[in-house]
Every structure is written in C-alpha cells, then in structure tokens.
C-alpha cells in the first residue's frame, strides 16, 4: 500500500475518533445541566447569607430544582434569586422548606 494512502487513512481514522470523543454541544443536555448544577451550588456556597443552609440542587433541561431546608423565609427567596442569576439557568423550581425552630427559640 502506498505510504500516502496509508497516512490518509490513518488521518481519517484519527479525526473520526477525535470527533467521537468531543462532548455534546446540545443545549440543555446532561453535560450542560451538570455544569449549571455545579455553578448554582458554587453561587449558593459563595453567598454569605446562605452559608449554613441545607440546599440540594439538581438541574433538568436548564431548570434548576432547589430542595432542602433553610432557617428563614429570606433564605428561601435568596437561594432562588442566586440560582436565577447563574448563566444558563432557564428557570428555578423552589421547593425549599423552613426548618422547624430549635427548641426554646421562636420562628423568625
């Protein structure tokens, strides 16, 4: 077999394999949702008023779902606000609940 033909075939196979290895660019796909989830978790963690909360974050089709417990109504609203501000978020489903007050303390 001619060396030029062999090099051409190997190059085509290499480029084909590289194309298969690239990540999908589909908007709202699994990888996009995973990135959004990571960004929202970081944004919530970086927000000083939400440091001691128990918030779970999932994303499907760029819609973020917040669940878990927080101490105040202000934290419920702030978590949703922080999530909405993250690039790529299409919507936020906020299912955060208020944690029951600790014994001996009144609700805020």
N, C-alpha and C. Protein backbone atom coordinates (compact mmCIF):
# COMPACT_ATOMS: atom_id res chain seq x y z
N UNK A 1 0.86 -1.18 0.00
CA UNK A 1 0.00 0.00 0.00
C UNK A 1 0.90 1.24 0.00
N UNK A 2 0.50 2.20 -0.73
CA UNK A 2 1.23 3.46 -0.85
C UNK A 2 1.26 4.17 0.50
N UNK A 3 2.40 4.74 0.84
CA UNK A 3 2.58 5.43 2.13
C UNK A 3 1.63 6.62 2.26
N UNK A 4 1.36 7.35 1.19
CA UNK A 4 0.46 8.50 1.21
C UNK A 4 -0.98 8.05 1.49
N UNK A 5 -1.39 6.96 0.87
CA UNK A 5 -2.74 6.43 1.10
C UNK A 5 -2.88 5.97 2.54
N UNK A 6 -1.87 5.28 3.04
CA UNK A 6 -1.90 4.79 4.42
C UNK A 6 -1.99 5.96 5.40
N UNK A 7 -1.20 7.01 5.17
CA UNK A 7 -1.25 8.20 6.03
C UNK A 7 -2.63 8.85 5.97
N UNK A 8 -3.22 8.90 4.77
CA UNK A 8 -4.56 9.47 4.62
C UNK A 8 -5.61 8.69 5.39
N UNK A 9 -5.52 7.37 5.33
CA UNK A 9 -6.48 6.51 6.05
C UNK A 9 -6.31 6.70 7.56
N UNK A 10 -5.05 6.70 8.03
CA UNK A 10 -4.80 6.88 9.47
C UNK A 10 -5.28 8.24 9.95
N UNK A 11 -5.06 9.27 9.14
CA UNK A 11 -5.52 10.60 9.49
C UNK A 11 -7.05 10.65 9.59
N UNK A 12 -7.73 10.02 8.64
CA UNK A 12 -9.20 9.99 8.66
C UNK A 12 -9.70 9.24 9.90
N UNK A 13 -9.07 8.13 10.25
CA UNK A 13 -9.47 7.38 11.43
C UNK A 13 -9.24 8.20 12.70
N UNK A 14 -8.10 8.89 12.78
CA UNK A 14 -7.77 9.70 13.94
C UNK A 14 -8.76 10.85 14.10
N UNK A 15 -9.08 11.53 12.99
CA UNK A 15 -10.04 12.64 13.06
C UNK A 15 -11.44 12.13 13.42
N UNK A 16 -11.80 10.97 12.92
CA UNK A 16 -13.10 10.39 13.27
C UNK A 16 -13.19 10.05 14.74
N UNK A 17 -12.11 9.49 15.29
CA UNK A 17 -12.09 9.15 16.71
C UNK A 17 -12.12 10.42 17.56
N UNK A 18 -11.42 11.45 17.14
CA UNK A 18 -11.43 12.71 17.89
C UNK A 18 -12.82 13.33 17.90
N UNK A 19 -13.55 13.21 16.80
CA UNK A 19 -14.91 13.73 16.74
C UNK A 19 -15.84 13.00 17.68
N UNK A 20 -15.65 11.71 17.83
CA UNK A 20 -16.48 10.92 18.75
C UNK A 20 -16.20 11.27 20.20
N UNK A 21 -14.99 11.69 20.49
CA UNK A 21 -14.60 11.97 21.87
C UNK A 21 -15.03 13.35 22.33
N UNK A 22 -15.40 14.22 21.41
CA UNK A 22 -15.77 15.57 21.83
C UNK A 22 -17.10 15.53 22.56
N UNK A 23 -17.28 16.44 23.50
CA UNK A 23 -18.51 16.44 24.30
C UNK A 23 -19.66 17.05 23.52
N UNK A 24 -20.87 16.61 23.79
CA UNK A 24 -22.03 17.11 23.06
C UNK A 24 -22.25 18.59 23.34
N UNK A 25 -22.66 19.31 22.34
CA UNK A 25 -22.93 20.74 22.46
C UNK A 25 -24.42 21.01 22.63
N UNK A 26 -25.20 19.98 22.73
CA UNK A 26 -26.64 20.11 22.83
C UNK A 26 -27.03 20.93 24.05
N UNK A 27 -27.72 22.02 23.82
CA UNK A 27 -28.15 22.88 24.91
C UNK A 27 -29.20 22.16 25.74
N UNK A 28 -29.04 22.19 27.04
CA UNK A 28 -29.98 21.53 27.92
C UNK A 28 -29.69 20.05 28.08
N UNK A 29 -28.60 19.57 27.48
CA UNK A 29 -28.22 18.17 27.61
C UNK A 29 -27.65 17.89 28.98
N UNK A 30 -27.31 16.62 29.20
CA UNK A 30 -26.83 16.18 30.51
C UNK A 30 -25.62 16.97 30.96
N UNK A 31 -24.63 17.15 30.09
CA UNK A 31 -23.41 17.87 30.49
C UNK A 31 -23.70 19.33 30.79
N UNK A 32 -24.57 19.94 29.99
CA UNK A 32 -24.94 21.34 30.23
C UNK A 32 -25.64 21.46 31.59
N UNK A 33 -26.55 20.55 31.89
CA UNK A 33 -27.25 20.55 33.17
C UNK A 33 -26.28 20.34 34.33
N UNK A 34 -25.30 19.46 34.16
CA UNK A 34 -24.32 19.22 35.22
C UNK A 34 -23.49 20.48 35.49
N UNK A 35 -23.14 21.19 34.43
CA UNK A 35 -22.38 22.44 34.61
C UNK A 35 -23.23 23.48 35.35
N UNK A 36 -24.49 23.58 34.97
CA UNK A 36 -25.38 24.55 35.63
C UNK A 36 -25.52 24.19 37.11
N UNK A 37 -25.72 22.92 37.42
CA UNK A 37 -25.83 22.48 38.81
C UNK A 37 -24.58 22.88 39.59
N UNK A 38 -23.42 22.64 39.02
CA UNK A 38 -22.17 22.98 39.70
C UNK A 38 -22.06 24.49 39.92
N UNK A 39 -22.44 25.28 38.92
CA UNK A 39 -22.38 26.74 39.06
C UNK A 39 -23.35 27.25 40.12
N UNK A 40 -24.55 26.69 40.15
CA UNK A 40 -25.54 27.11 41.14
C UNK A 40 -25.07 26.74 42.54
N UNK A 41 -24.54 25.52 42.72
CA UNK A 41 -24.04 25.12 44.03
C UNK A 41 -22.93 26.06 44.50
N UNK A 42 -22.03 26.42 43.60
CA UNK A 42 -20.95 27.33 43.96
C UNK A 42 -21.49 28.71 44.31
N UNK A 43 -22.45 29.19 43.53
CA UNK A 43 -23.03 30.51 43.80
C UNK A 43 -23.73 30.54 45.16
N UNK A 44 -24.44 29.47 45.49
CA UNK A 44 -25.10 29.39 46.79
C UNK A 44 -24.06 29.32 47.90
N UNK A 45 -23.01 28.52 47.69
CA UNK A 45 -21.95 28.41 48.69
C UNK A 45 -21.25 29.75 48.91
N UNK A 46 -21.06 30.50 47.83
CA UNK A 46 -20.36 31.79 47.91
C UNK A 46 -21.22 32.91 48.49
N UNK A 47 -22.52 32.68 48.61
CA UNK A 47 -23.43 33.70 49.14
C UNK A 47 -23.36 33.67 50.67
N UNK A 48 -22.85 34.74 51.30
CA UNK A 48 -22.67 34.74 52.77
C UNK A 48 -23.96 34.48 53.55
N UNK A 49 -25.09 34.93 53.06
CA UNK A 49 -26.33 34.76 53.82
C UNK A 49 -26.88 33.33 53.72
N UNK A 50 -26.25 32.47 52.91
CA UNK A 50 -26.72 31.09 52.76
C UNK A 50 -25.69 30.06 53.22
N UNK A 51 -24.74 30.47 54.03
CA UNK A 51 -23.63 29.59 54.43
C UNK A 51 -24.07 28.36 55.23
N UNK A 52 -25.05 28.46 56.07
CA UNK A 52 -25.40 27.34 56.96
C UNK A 52 -26.72 26.69 56.58
N UNK A 53 -26.99 26.61 55.30
CA UNK A 53 -28.25 26.03 54.84
C UNK A 53 -28.03 24.62 54.30
N UNK A 54 -29.08 23.87 54.21
CA UNK A 54 -29.07 22.51 53.67
C UNK A 54 -29.84 22.52 52.35
N UNK A 55 -29.19 22.94 51.28
CA UNK A 55 -29.86 23.08 49.99
C UNK A 55 -29.32 22.05 49.01
N UNK A 56 -30.23 21.30 48.40
CA UNK A 56 -29.88 20.35 47.36
C UNK A 56 -30.23 20.99 46.01
N UNK A 57 -29.34 20.82 45.02
CA UNK A 57 -29.53 21.42 43.70
C UNK A 57 -29.47 20.34 42.64
N UNK A 58 -30.48 20.29 41.78
CA UNK A 58 -30.46 19.43 40.60
C UNK A 58 -30.92 20.28 39.42
N UNK A 59 -30.58 19.85 38.22
CA UNK A 59 -30.96 20.59 37.03
C UNK A 59 -31.43 19.62 35.96
N UNK A 60 -32.53 19.96 35.29
CA UNK A 60 -33.01 19.19 34.16
C UNK A 60 -33.51 20.15 33.11
N UNK A 61 -32.96 20.04 31.91
CA UNK A 61 -33.31 20.92 30.80
C UNK A 61 -33.14 22.39 31.18
N UNK A 62 -32.06 22.68 31.89
CA UNK A 62 -31.67 24.02 32.33
C UNK A 62 -32.60 24.62 33.38
N UNK A 63 -33.52 23.83 33.93
CA UNK A 63 -34.39 24.28 35.02
C UNK A 63 -33.81 23.72 36.31
N UNK A 64 -33.47 24.62 37.21
CA UNK A 64 -32.84 24.26 38.48
C UNK A 64 -33.92 23.94 39.51
N UNK A 65 -33.71 22.85 40.25
CA UNK A 65 -34.64 22.45 41.31
C UNK A 65 -33.91 22.57 42.64
N UNK A 66 -34.42 23.43 43.51
CA UNK A 66 -33.86 23.62 44.84
C UNK A 66 -34.74 22.89 45.84
N UNK A 67 -34.13 22.09 46.71
CA UNK A 67 -34.88 21.41 47.76
C UNK A 67 -34.01 21.39 49.01
N UNK A 68 -34.65 21.07 50.12
CA UNK A 68 -33.94 21.03 51.39
C UNK A 68 -34.56 22.00 52.38
N UNK A 69 -33.77 22.35 53.40
CA UNK A 69 -34.29 23.22 54.45
C UNK A 69 -33.38 24.41 54.67
N UNK A 70 -34.01 25.51 55.01
CA UNK A 70 -33.29 26.74 55.38
C UNK A 70 -33.95 27.29 56.63
N UNK A 71 -33.30 28.27 57.24
CA UNK A 71 -33.79 28.79 58.52
C UNK A 71 -34.84 29.87 58.43
N UNK A 72 -34.83 30.64 57.32
CA UNK A 72 -35.75 31.78 57.25
C UNK A 72 -36.37 31.89 55.86
N UNK A 73 -37.47 32.62 55.80
CA UNK A 73 -38.12 32.90 54.51
C UNK A 73 -37.18 33.69 53.60
N UNK A 74 -36.39 34.58 54.18
CA UNK A 74 -35.43 35.36 53.39
C UNK A 74 -34.42 34.45 52.68
N UNK A 75 -34.01 33.36 53.35
CA UNK A 75 -33.08 32.42 52.73
C UNK A 75 -33.74 31.66 51.58
N UNK A 76 -35.02 31.35 51.71
CA UNK A 76 -35.75 30.70 50.62
C UNK A 76 -35.70 31.59 49.38
N UNK A 77 -36.02 32.86 49.58
CA UNK A 77 -36.04 33.81 48.47
C UNK A 77 -34.65 34.07 47.91
N UNK A 78 -33.66 34.20 48.78
CA UNK A 78 -32.29 34.49 48.36
C UNK A 78 -31.72 33.34 47.54
N UNK A 79 -31.97 32.11 47.95
CA UNK A 79 -31.45 30.95 47.21
C UNK A 79 -32.00 30.93 45.78
N UNK A 80 -33.29 31.21 45.63
CA UNK A 80 -33.89 31.25 44.29
C UNK A 80 -33.30 32.39 43.47
N UNK A 81 -33.10 33.54 44.10
CA UNK A 81 -32.53 34.70 43.42
C UNK A 81 -31.10 34.38 42.94
N UNK A 82 -30.31 33.76 43.78
CA UNK A 82 -28.93 33.40 43.43
C UNK A 82 -28.93 32.41 42.27
N UNK A 83 -29.81 31.41 42.32
CA UNK A 83 -29.87 30.40 41.26
C UNK A 83 -30.27 31.03 39.93
N UNK A 84 -31.27 31.91 39.95
CA UNK A 84 -31.72 32.56 38.71
C UNK A 84 -30.62 33.39 38.05
N UNK A 85 -29.71 33.92 38.84
CA UNK A 85 -28.64 34.79 38.33
C UNK A 85 -27.51 34.01 37.64
N UNK A 86 -27.50 32.70 37.77
CA UNK A 86 -26.43 31.89 37.17
C UNK A 86 -26.67 31.76 35.67
N UNK A 87 -25.60 31.98 34.92
CA UNK A 87 -25.68 31.89 33.46
C UNK A 87 -26.16 30.51 33.02
N UNK A 88 -27.10 30.48 32.09
CA UNK A 88 -27.61 29.22 31.55
C UNK A 88 -28.88 28.72 32.20
N UNK A 89 -29.26 29.30 33.33
CA UNK A 89 -30.47 28.86 34.03
C UNK A 89 -31.70 29.41 33.31
N UNK A 90 -32.60 28.50 32.94
CA UNK A 90 -33.84 28.89 32.25
C UNK A 90 -34.96 29.15 33.25
N UNK A 91 -34.94 28.46 34.37
CA UNK A 91 -35.98 28.62 35.38
C UNK A 91 -35.54 27.98 36.69
N UNK A 92 -36.29 28.28 37.75
CA UNK A 92 -35.98 27.74 39.07
C UNK A 92 -37.26 27.21 39.69
N UNK A 93 -37.22 25.96 40.12
CA UNK A 93 -38.32 25.36 40.89
C UNK A 93 -37.85 25.34 42.34
N UNK A 94 -38.48 26.14 43.16
CA UNK A 94 -38.03 26.32 44.54
C UNK A 94 -38.93 25.52 45.49
N UNK A 95 -38.41 24.40 45.98
CA UNK A 95 -39.12 23.56 46.95
C UNK A 95 -38.44 23.59 48.31
N UNK A 96 -37.77 24.69 48.61
CA UNK A 96 -37.12 24.82 49.92
C UNK A 96 -38.16 24.95 51.01
N UNK A 97 -37.89 24.33 52.14
CA UNK A 97 -38.78 24.37 53.29
C UNK A 97 -38.07 25.07 54.44
N UNK A 98 -38.87 25.64 55.33
CA UNK A 98 -38.31 26.24 56.54
C UNK A 98 -38.07 25.14 57.57
N UNK A 99 -36.88 25.14 58.13
CA UNK A 99 -36.57 24.18 59.18
C UNK A 99 -37.36 24.55 60.43
N UNK A 100 -37.82 23.56 61.18
CA UNK A 100 -38.52 23.89 62.42
C UNK A 100 -37.57 24.62 63.37
N UNK A 101 -38.08 25.58 64.12
CA UNK A 101 -37.20 26.31 65.03
C UNK A 101 -36.63 25.37 66.09
N UNK A 102 -35.41 25.68 66.50
CA UNK A 102 -34.77 24.89 67.55
C UNK A 102 -35.56 25.04 68.85
N UNK A 103 -35.53 24.05 69.69
CA UNK A 103 -36.27 24.13 70.96
C UNK A 103 -35.83 25.34 71.75
N UNK A 104 -36.79 26.05 72.26
CA UNK A 104 -36.51 27.21 73.07
C UNK A 104 -36.34 28.49 72.26
N UNK A 105 -36.45 28.40 70.91
CA UNK A 105 -36.31 29.58 70.06
C UNK A 105 -37.62 29.79 69.30
N UNK A 106 -37.93 31.05 69.02
CA UNK A 106 -39.13 31.34 68.25
C UNK A 106 -38.77 31.39 66.77
N UNK A 107 -39.77 31.21 65.90
CA UNK A 107 -39.56 31.28 64.45
C UNK A 107 -39.27 32.71 64.05
N UNK A 108 -38.38 32.90 63.07
CA UNK A 108 -38.06 34.26 62.61
C UNK A 108 -38.84 34.66 61.40
